[in-house]
């Protein structure tokens, strides 16, 4: 879900595009990079179907248990912000091994945690290491390809991540049911350990800019923050994805606690939302080319506001059933899939020579805004499902305002396909 459309970014980044091609010895199989990129996303969602059970295990309310999700987002935000710019300056193999060690440490801490506080700390480290792995996988893919090959590899990377996000709750439900809830942390630790063994055999992957490029990181970040194109694209992407994070954080509460779905039923519902997001992402490029990028994004976000407001009205009247909740989720998820490619492209092509910094700041905003929104909603969850559903049209409206304020009638650059 946060893997970036780096095709446009490389076109706007001549220094990067002109770099030497990666040698065969340094080439990394795309399936392994997809696993690396999906590691954090999968571990974020493995826990979702077990949140009500963990509430009983630790004797706390759901609002407190939801901190397991918010802590992951906080760690992921910091990981994106720190590693994104540095990935353009230092050896990516060394950074990759460090990120995997942090992720393993977090997973083992969570698996052995005797208290909820220690479990939350482990989730923070999982988010930190997993997000760093995602940024590095994107950077390696972008550096190893160009042109149509790069577009194809980025698309496959995105698809692999989306599948990991979609199937993770179902895998987590199966592991927790058959082996116990601690296995939802042991399994990603084992996967990361295998990836660490693989990463240790890679050749050095020093970025073309070298350590000298680090001196220009702050300047590049400053130029991005002064760019209206970057700021509005980032706000649109951050707030539209806050919808997904709200559905992920509070969907188990609404579906399982209020409507009585079991783990498997909830996981299948979440998979349906994932399929909607994937469908929106797949058709977005064709719709942009046929009807205009701005028009499609505005229509998708407007539908999200209207349907989200309708779901809130039903919840307020006590008439929201699981089918209506699913409909709201499907519209919101499809809208995110239609919007995020455009927002990502705007952000990553805002300033030439700053693709790494742009990716880091953009993904930092994605996870940071998502973490902030879920934390605020979780603090008021005593009001029931209404407060969680109120967040959906509210954050979608903010994304819509950002698009209307920052998008022109036409968007320069190649259409996403």
Protein backbone atom coordinates (compact mmCIF):
# COMPACT_ATOMS: atom_id res chain seq x y z
CA UNK A 1 0.00 0.00 0.00
CA UNK A 2 2.77 2.62 0.55
CA UNK A 3 5.18 1.40 -2.18
CA UNK A 4 5.81 4.47 -4.33
CA UNK A 5 5.41 5.12 -8.02
CA UNK A 6 9.08 5.92 -8.53
CA UNK A 7 8.83 6.04 -12.30
CA UNK A 8 7.88 9.72 -12.28
CA UNK A 9 10.34 10.42 -9.50
CA UNK A 10 13.23 9.06 -11.55
CA UNK A 11 12.16 11.11 -14.52
CA UNK A 12 12.34 14.19 -12.29
CA UNK A 13 15.64 13.06 -10.78
CA UNK A 14 18.28 13.15 -13.50
CA UNK A 15 21.12 12.37 -11.15
CA UNK A 16 19.48 9.15 -10.16
CA UNK A 17 18.35 8.22 -13.62
CA UNK A 18 21.81 8.69 -15.02
CA UNK A 19 23.44 6.38 -12.56
CA UNK A 20 25.06 3.17 -13.71
CA UNK A 21 22.95 0.07 -14.13
CA UNK A 22 23.15 -2.49 -11.39
CA UNK A 23 25.39 -5.42 -12.22
CA UNK A 24 24.08 -8.94 -12.48
CA UNK A 25 25.91 -9.79 -9.28
CA UNK A 26 24.06 -7.00 -7.45
CA UNK A 27 20.68 -7.84 -8.97
CA UNK A 28 18.13 -9.10 -6.47
CA UNK A 29 15.17 -11.32 -7.44
CA UNK A 30 11.95 -9.33 -7.39
CA UNK A 31 10.01 -11.94 -5.37
CA UNK A 32 12.51 -11.55 -2.53
CA UNK A 33 12.17 -7.78 -2.67
CA UNK A 34 8.38 -8.15 -2.60
CA UNK A 35 8.67 -10.30 0.53
CA UNK A 36 10.98 -7.72 2.07
CA UNK A 37 8.60 -4.85 1.26
CA UNK A 38 5.58 -6.79 2.51
CA UNK A 39 7.20 -7.89 5.79
CA UNK A 40 6.18 -4.82 7.74
CA UNK A 41 2.75 -4.54 6.13
CA UNK A 42 1.95 -8.18 6.88
CA UNK A 43 3.16 -7.96 10.49
CA UNK A 44 1.05 -4.84 11.01
CA UNK A 45 -2.10 -6.73 10.08
CA UNK A 46 -1.37 -10.18 11.52
CA UNK A 47 -2.54 -8.94 14.91
CA UNK A 48 -5.86 -7.45 13.79
CA UNK A 49 -8.10 -10.49 14.19
CA UNK A 50 -6.60 -11.17 17.64
CA UNK A 51 -7.20 -7.73 19.16
CA UNK A 52 -10.45 -8.72 20.95
CA UNK A 53 -8.73 -11.85 22.30
CA UNK A 54 -5.73 -9.85 23.54
CA UNK A 55 -8.18 -7.57 25.28
CA UNK A 56 -9.28 -10.57 27.36
CA UNK A 57 -5.73 -11.92 27.84
CA UNK A 58 -4.43 -8.71 29.39
CA UNK A 59 -7.68 -7.65 31.06
CA UNK A 60 -7.93 -4.25 29.35
CA UNK A 61 -10.51 -2.46 27.23
CA UNK A 62 -10.37 -2.42 23.44
CA UNK A 63 -9.17 1.17 23.39
CA UNK A 64 -6.01 0.13 25.24
CA UNK A 65 -5.46 -2.92 23.05
CA UNK A 66 -5.77 -0.72 19.97
CA UNK A 67 -2.47 0.90 21.06
CA UNK A 68 -0.79 -2.16 19.53
CA UNK A 69 -1.79 -0.78 16.13
CA UNK A 70 -0.96 2.86 16.90
CA UNK A 71 2.49 1.93 18.28
CA UNK A 72 3.29 0.11 15.06
CA UNK A 73 2.28 3.16 13.02
CA UNK A 74 4.44 5.44 15.19
CA UNK A 75 7.48 3.22 14.68
CA UNK A 76 6.78 2.99 10.95
CA UNK A 77 6.53 6.77 10.64
CA UNK A 78 9.93 7.26 12.27
CA UNK A 79 11.44 4.49 10.18
CA UNK A 80 10.24 6.09 6.95
CA UNK A 81 11.45 9.55 7.93
CA UNK A 82 14.91 8.40 8.93
CA UNK A 83 15.71 5.80 6.31
CA UNK A 84 14.15 7.47 3.25
CA UNK A 85 16.71 10.26 2.80
CA UNK A 86 19.64 8.14 4.03
CA UNK A 87 18.89 5.45 1.45
CA UNK A 88 20.23 7.87 -1.18
CA UNK A 89 23.55 8.34 0.63
CA UNK A 90 24.77 5.15 2.33
CA UNK A 91 25.25 1.43 1.74
CA UNK A 92 21.81 -0.12 1.50
CA UNK A 93 23.01 -3.62 2.37
CA UNK A 94 24.24 -2.47 5.79
CA UNK A 95 21.05 -0.48 6.39
CA UNK A 96 18.94 -3.45 5.33
CA UNK A 97 20.64 -5.79 7.77
CA UNK A 98 20.21 -3.25 10.56
CA UNK A 99 16.51 -2.84 9.77
CA UNK A 100 15.95 -6.60 9.86
CA UNK A 101 17.74 -6.88 13.22
CA UNK A 102 15.47 -4.17 14.66
CA UNK A 103 12.40 -5.94 13.27
CA UNK A 104 13.47 -9.30 14.72
CA UNK A 105 14.13 -7.70 18.10
CA UNK A 106 10.66 -6.18 18.09
CA UNK A 107 8.97 -9.42 17.05
CA UNK A 108 10.76 -11.49 19.72
CA UNK A 109 9.99 -8.86 22.36
CA UNK A 110 6.30 -9.00 21.44
CA UNK A 111 6.25 -12.81 21.34
CA UNK A 112 7.74 -13.09 24.84
CA UNK A 113 5.98 -10.08 26.35
CA UNK A 114 4.47 -10.80 29.79
CA UNK A 115 2.70 -7.41 29.88
CA UNK A 116 0.81 -5.28 27.41
CA UNK A 117 3.31 -2.43 27.83
CA UNK A 118 6.18 -4.65 26.65
CA UNK A 119 4.03 -5.96 23.82
CA UNK A 120 3.39 -2.36 22.70
CA UNK A 121 7.15 -1.67 22.81
CA UNK A 122 7.76 -4.70 20.61
CA UNK A 123 5.16 -3.48 18.12
CA UNK A 124 6.92 -0.10 17.94
CA UNK A 125 10.19 -1.81 17.02
CA UNK A 126 8.39 -3.99 14.48
CA UNK A 127 7.04 -0.87 12.79
CA UNK A 128 10.43 0.83 12.86
CA UNK A 129 12.27 -2.08 11.24
CA UNK A 130 9.49 -3.03 8.84
CA UNK A 131 9.14 0.49 7.46
CA UNK A 132 12.89 0.73 6.91
CA UNK A 133 12.78 -2.55 4.95
CA UNK A 134 10.01 -1.13 2.75
CA UNK A 135 11.96 2.04 1.89
CA UNK A 136 15.10 0.08 1.10
CA UNK A 137 13.22 -2.40 -1.10
CA UNK A 138 11.76 0.51 -3.08
CA UNK A 139 15.19 2.12 -3.43
CA UNK A 140 16.81 -1.15 -4.60
CA UNK A 141 14.08 -1.75 -7.19
CA UNK A 142 14.31 1.80 -8.49
CA UNK A 143 18.09 1.67 -8.77
CA UNK A 144 18.11 -1.70 -10.54
CA UNK A 145 15.72 -0.83 -13.40
CA UNK A 146 14.70 1.97 -15.72
CA UNK A 147 11.86 2.92 -18.03
CA UNK A 148 9.23 0.27 -18.74
CA UNK A 149 11.11 -2.34 -16.71
CA UNK A 150 11.00 -0.09 -13.66
CA UNK A 151 7.27 0.51 -14.09
CA UNK A 152 6.66 -3.23 -14.32
CA UNK A 153 8.82 -4.05 -11.26
CA UNK A 154 7.23 -1.33 -9.13
CA UNK A 155 3.79 -2.59 -10.13
CA UNK A 156 4.68 -6.14 -9.13
CA UNK A 157 6.15 -4.89 -5.85
CA UNK A 158 2.91 -3.04 -5.10
CA UNK A 159 0.85 -6.10 -5.98
CA UNK A 160 2.90 -8.32 -3.69
CA UNK A 161 2.49 -5.88 -0.83
CA UNK A 162 -1.24 -5.60 -1.38
CA UNK A 163 -1.61 -9.38 -1.25
CA UNK A 164 0.40 -9.49 1.99
CA UNK A 165 -1.82 -6.80 3.52
CA UNK A 166 -4.97 -8.56 2.39
CA UNK A 167 -4.07 -12.08 3.58
CA UNK A 168 -2.32 -11.16 6.83
CA UNK A 169 -5.46 -11.02 9.04
CA UNK A 170 -6.54 -14.47 7.81
CA UNK A 171 -3.05 -15.89 8.41
CA UNK A 172 -3.01 -14.29 11.84
CA UNK A 173 -6.40 -15.79 12.67
CA UNK A 174 -5.21 -19.26 11.64
CA UNK A 175 -1.95 -18.99 13.60
CA UNK A 176 -3.65 -17.68 16.75
CA UNK A 177 -6.38 -20.33 16.60
CA UNK A 178 -4.10 -23.30 15.94
CA UNK A 179 -0.91 -22.30 17.77
CA UNK A 180 -1.77 -19.45 20.14
CA UNK A 181 -1.59 -15.67 19.84
CA UNK A 182 2.17 -15.43 20.44
CA UNK A 183 2.77 -17.12 17.09
CA UNK A 184 1.53 -14.03 15.26
CA UNK A 185 4.89 -12.56 16.37
CA UNK A 186 7.08 -15.67 16.13
CA UNK A 187 6.18 -16.21 12.47
CA UNK A 188 7.30 -12.78 11.21
CA UNK A 189 10.45 -13.10 13.36
CA UNK A 190 11.28 -16.35 11.58
CA UNK A 191 10.62 -14.78 8.16
CA UNK A 192 12.86 -11.81 9.01
CA UNK A 193 15.61 -14.14 10.22
CA UNK A 194 15.57 -15.94 6.87
CA UNK A 195 15.71 -12.59 5.07
CA UNK A 196 18.64 -11.53 7.26
CA UNK A 197 20.57 -14.66 6.26
CA UNK A 198 19.88 -13.83 2.62
CA UNK A 199 20.82 -10.14 3.04
CA UNK A 200 24.14 -11.08 4.63
CA UNK A 201 25.18 -12.70 1.34
CA UNK A 202 24.43 -9.64 -0.80
CA UNK A 203 27.25 -7.53 -2.26
CA UNK A 204 27.64 -3.93 -1.03
CA UNK A 205 25.04 -1.56 -2.47
CA UNK A 206 26.48 1.91 -1.93
CA UNK A 207 24.18 4.64 -3.25
CA UNK A 208 25.60 6.58 -6.23
CA UNK A 209 25.69 9.86 -4.31
CA UNK A 210 27.92 8.42 -1.58
CA UNK A 211 28.29 9.87 1.91
CA UNK A 212 28.83 13.34 0.42
CA UNK A 213 25.14 13.36 -0.60
CA UNK A 214 24.18 13.35 3.08
CA UNK A 215 25.21 16.99 3.28
CA UNK A 216 22.39 17.90 0.90
CA UNK A 217 19.61 15.96 2.63
CA UNK A 218 18.29 18.83 4.73
CA UNK A 219 18.31 21.17 1.74
CA UNK A 220 16.31 18.68 -0.30
CA UNK A 221 13.78 18.17 2.49
CA UNK A 222 13.40 21.94 2.86
CA UNK A 223 12.65 22.34 -0.86
CA UNK A 224 9.99 19.65 -0.61
CA UNK A 225 8.28 21.26 2.35
CA UNK A 226 8.12 24.56 0.43
CA UNK A 227 6.57 22.85 -2.60
CA UNK A 228 2.80 23.20 -2.87
CA UNK A 229 2.74 20.16 -5.14
CA UNK A 230 4.48 18.02 -2.55
CA UNK A 231 2.49 19.30 0.44
CA UNK A 232 -0.95 18.88 -1.16
CA UNK A 233 -0.08 15.49 -2.62
CA UNK A 234 1.22 14.33 0.74
CA UNK A 235 -1.83 15.60 2.63
CA UNK A 236 -4.16 13.92 0.14
CA UNK A 237 -2.29 10.62 0.42
CA UNK A 238 -1.92 10.79 4.19
CA UNK A 239 -5.56 11.50 4.95
CA UNK A 240 -7.03 9.11 2.40
CA UNK A 241 -4.88 6.32 3.88
CA UNK A 242 -6.00 7.31 7.38
CA UNK A 243 -9.29 5.75 6.28
CA UNK A 244 -7.56 2.41 5.83
CA UNK A 245 -5.82 2.66 9.18
CA UNK A 246 -9.14 3.45 10.89
CA UNK A 247 -10.78 0.45 9.23
CA UNK A 248 -7.83 -1.72 10.27
CA UNK A 249 -7.70 -0.43 13.85
CA UNK A 250 -11.41 -0.34 14.63
CA UNK A 251 -12.82 -2.83 12.13
CA UNK A 252 -12.26 -5.73 14.56
CA UNK A 253 -14.16 -3.84 17.27
CA UNK A 254 -17.10 -3.05 14.99
CA UNK A 255 -17.21 -6.41 13.20
CA UNK A 256 -16.33 -8.79 16.04
CA UNK A 257 -17.39 -7.05 19.25
CA UNK A 258 -20.51 -5.26 18.01
CA UNK A 259 -21.69 -7.56 15.21
CA UNK A 260 -20.38 -10.85 16.58
CA UNK A 261 -18.23 -12.02 13.66
CA UNK A 262 -15.55 -14.59 14.46
CA UNK A 263 -11.87 -14.30 13.49
CA UNK A 264 -12.22 -16.00 10.13
CA UNK A 265 -15.34 -14.04 9.15
CA UNK A 266 -13.63 -10.77 10.02
CA UNK A 267 -10.51 -11.78 8.11
CA UNK A 268 -12.57 -12.53 5.00
CA UNK A 269 -14.29 -9.16 5.36
CA UNK A 270 -10.90 -7.46 5.57
CA UNK A 271 -9.75 -9.41 2.50
CA UNK A 272 -12.74 -7.98 0.59
CA UNK A 273 -11.58 -4.48 1.53
CA UNK A 274 -8.10 -5.35 0.30
CA UNK A 275 -9.45 -6.56 -3.02
CA UNK A 276 -11.34 -3.28 -3.41
CA UNK A 277 -8.15 -1.31 -2.79
CA UNK A 278 -6.22 -3.45 -5.30
CA UNK A 279 -8.98 -3.02 -7.89
CA UNK A 280 -8.91 0.75 -7.48
CA UNK A 281 -5.14 0.81 -7.87
CA UNK A 282 -5.20 -1.38 -11.00
CA UNK A 283 -7.79 0.67 -12.87
CA UNK A 284 -6.59 4.10 -11.70
CA UNK A 285 -4.12 4.66 -14.55
CA UNK A 286 -6.65 3.85 -17.27
CA UNK A 287 -9.28 6.04 -15.64
CA UNK A 288 -6.81 8.92 -15.29
CA UNK A 289 -5.92 8.68 -18.98
CA UNK A 290 -9.55 8.50 -20.13
CA UNK A 291 -11.32 10.92 -17.80
CA UNK A 292 -8.58 13.06 -16.26
CA UNK A 293 -6.62 12.48 -13.07
CA UNK A 294 -8.17 15.32 -11.08
CA UNK A 295 -11.72 14.37 -12.03
CA UNK A 296 -11.28 10.74 -10.98
CA UNK A 297 -9.64 11.62 -7.67
CA UNK A 298 -12.29 14.23 -6.80
CA UNK A 299 -15.08 11.79 -7.70
CA UNK A 300 -13.55 8.98 -5.62
CA UNK A 301 -13.08 11.18 -2.56
CA UNK A 302 -16.54 12.75 -2.91
CA UNK A 303 -18.11 9.28 -2.97
CA UNK A 304 -16.15 8.41 0.16
CA UNK A 305 -17.46 11.49 1.98
CA UNK A 306 -21.08 10.82 0.98
CA UNK A 307 -21.09 7.08 1.74
CA UNK A 308 -19.08 7.57 4.93
CA UNK A 309 -21.57 10.18 6.12
CA UNK A 310 -24.39 7.76 5.33
CA UNK A 311 -22.72 5.05 7.42
CA UNK A 312 -22.33 7.50 10.29
CA UNK A 313 -26.02 8.41 10.05
CA UNK A 314 -27.00 4.73 10.21
CA UNK A 315 -24.72 4.13 13.19
CA UNK A 316 -26.18 7.14 15.01
CA UNK A 317 -29.68 5.77 14.42
CA UNK A 318 -28.62 2.29 15.58
CA UNK A 319 -29.34 0.85 12.13
CA UNK A 320 -25.82 0.01 10.91
CA UNK A 321 -25.61 -3.73 10.27
CA UNK A 322 -22.59 -5.68 9.03
CA UNK A 323 -23.68 -5.41 5.40
CA UNK A 324 -23.90 -1.61 5.57
CA UNK A 325 -20.52 -1.50 7.31
CA UNK A 326 -19.03 -3.64 4.55
CA UNK A 327 -20.47 -1.31 1.88
CA UNK A 328 -18.94 1.73 3.57
CA UNK A 329 -15.60 -0.05 3.80
CA UNK A 330 -15.67 -1.12 0.15
CA UNK A 331 -16.33 2.41 -1.10
CA UNK A 332 -13.65 3.90 1.16
CA UNK A 333 -11.06 1.25 0.19
CA UNK A 334 -11.76 1.62 -3.54
CA UNK A 335 -11.44 5.39 -3.20
CA UNK A 336 -8.07 4.99 -1.53
CA UNK A 337 -6.88 2.76 -4.37
CA UNK A 338 -7.99 5.35 -6.94
CA UNK A 339 -6.44 8.29 -5.07
CA UNK A 340 -3.11 7.10 -3.70
CA UNK A 341 -1.26 6.61 -7.05
CA UNK A 342 -1.98 10.22 -7.97
CA UNK A 343 -1.01 11.58 -4.56
CA UNK A 344 2.19 9.53 -4.56
CA UNK A 345 3.21 10.70 -7.99
CA UNK A 346 2.67 14.35 -7.13
CA UNK A 347 4.75 14.05 -3.99
CA UNK A 348 7.64 12.13 -5.52
CA UNK A 349 8.00 14.37 -8.58
CA UNK A 350 7.86 17.64 -6.66
CA UNK A 351 11.61 18.36 -6.57
CA UNK A 352 14.35 17.02 -8.84
CA UNK A 353 17.21 15.29 -7.04
CA UNK A 354 15.23 14.56 -3.86
CA UNK A 355 13.46 11.27 -4.62
CA UNK A 356 14.76 9.55 -1.48
CA UNK A 357 13.82 12.43 0.78
CA UNK A 358 10.42 12.72 -0.91
CA UNK A 359 9.70 9.01 -0.42
CA UNK A 360 10.71 9.20 3.24
CA UNK A 361 8.67 12.32 4.01
CA UNK A 362 5.67 11.09 2.05
CA UNK A 363 5.57 7.72 3.79
CA UNK A 364 6.26 9.42 7.14
CA UNK A 365 3.12 11.47 6.57
CA UNK A 366 1.14 8.37 5.60
CA UNK A 367 1.97 6.53 8.82
CA UNK A 368 2.14 9.65 10.99
CA UNK A 369 -1.29 10.94 10.02
CA UNK A 370 -2.72 7.43 10.28
CA UNK A 371 -1.24 6.99 13.75
CA UNK A 372 -2.49 10.37 14.93
CA UNK A 373 -6.03 9.79 13.66
CA UNK A 374 -6.31 6.28 15.12
CA UNK A 375 -4.91 7.52 18.44
CA UNK A 376 -7.47 10.33 18.62
CA UNK A 377 -10.33 8.03 17.67
CA UNK A 378 -9.16 5.32 20.06
CA UNK A 379 -9.16 7.82 22.92
CA UNK A 380 -12.89 8.33 22.40
CA UNK A 381 -13.91 4.77 21.58
CA UNK A 382 -16.12 4.59 24.68
CA UNK A 383 -18.77 6.21 22.50
CA UNK A 384 -18.93 3.00 20.47
CA UNK A 385 -18.80 2.55 16.73
CA UNK A 386 -20.12 6.04 16.03
CA UNK A 387 -16.88 7.86 16.77
CA UNK A 388 -14.88 5.41 14.62
CA UNK A 389 -17.28 5.80 11.70
CA UNK A 390 -17.26 9.60 12.07
CA UNK A 391 -13.56 9.59 11.27
CA UNK A 392 -14.09 8.10 7.80
CA UNK A 393 -15.97 10.99 6.12
CA UNK A 394 -13.99 13.55 8.14
CA UNK A 395 -10.52 12.49 6.99
CA UNK A 396 -11.78 11.89 3.44
CA UNK A 397 -13.07 15.45 3.39
CA UNK A 398 -9.63 16.76 4.40
CA UNK A 399 -8.05 14.77 1.56
CA UNK A 400 -10.64 16.20 -0.85
CA UNK A 401 -9.88 19.77 0.25
CA UNK A 402 -6.15 19.15 -0.30
CA UNK A 403 -6.85 17.91 -3.83
CA UNK A 404 -9.10 20.85 -4.67
CA UNK A 405 -6.52 23.29 -3.29
CA UNK A 406 -3.44 21.79 -4.93
CA UNK A 407 -4.44 19.99 -8.11
CA UNK A 408 -4.75 21.95 -11.32
CA UNK A 409 -7.19 21.11 -14.03
CA UNK A 410 -4.44 19.09 -15.68
CA UNK A 411 -1.47 17.35 -14.12
CA UNK A 412 1.85 17.51 -15.97
CA UNK A 413 3.91 14.39 -16.58
CA UNK A 414 3.13 10.92 -17.91
CA UNK A 415 -0.18 9.38 -16.95
CA UNK A 416 -0.07 6.44 -14.58
CA UNK A 417 -0.73 3.18 -16.39
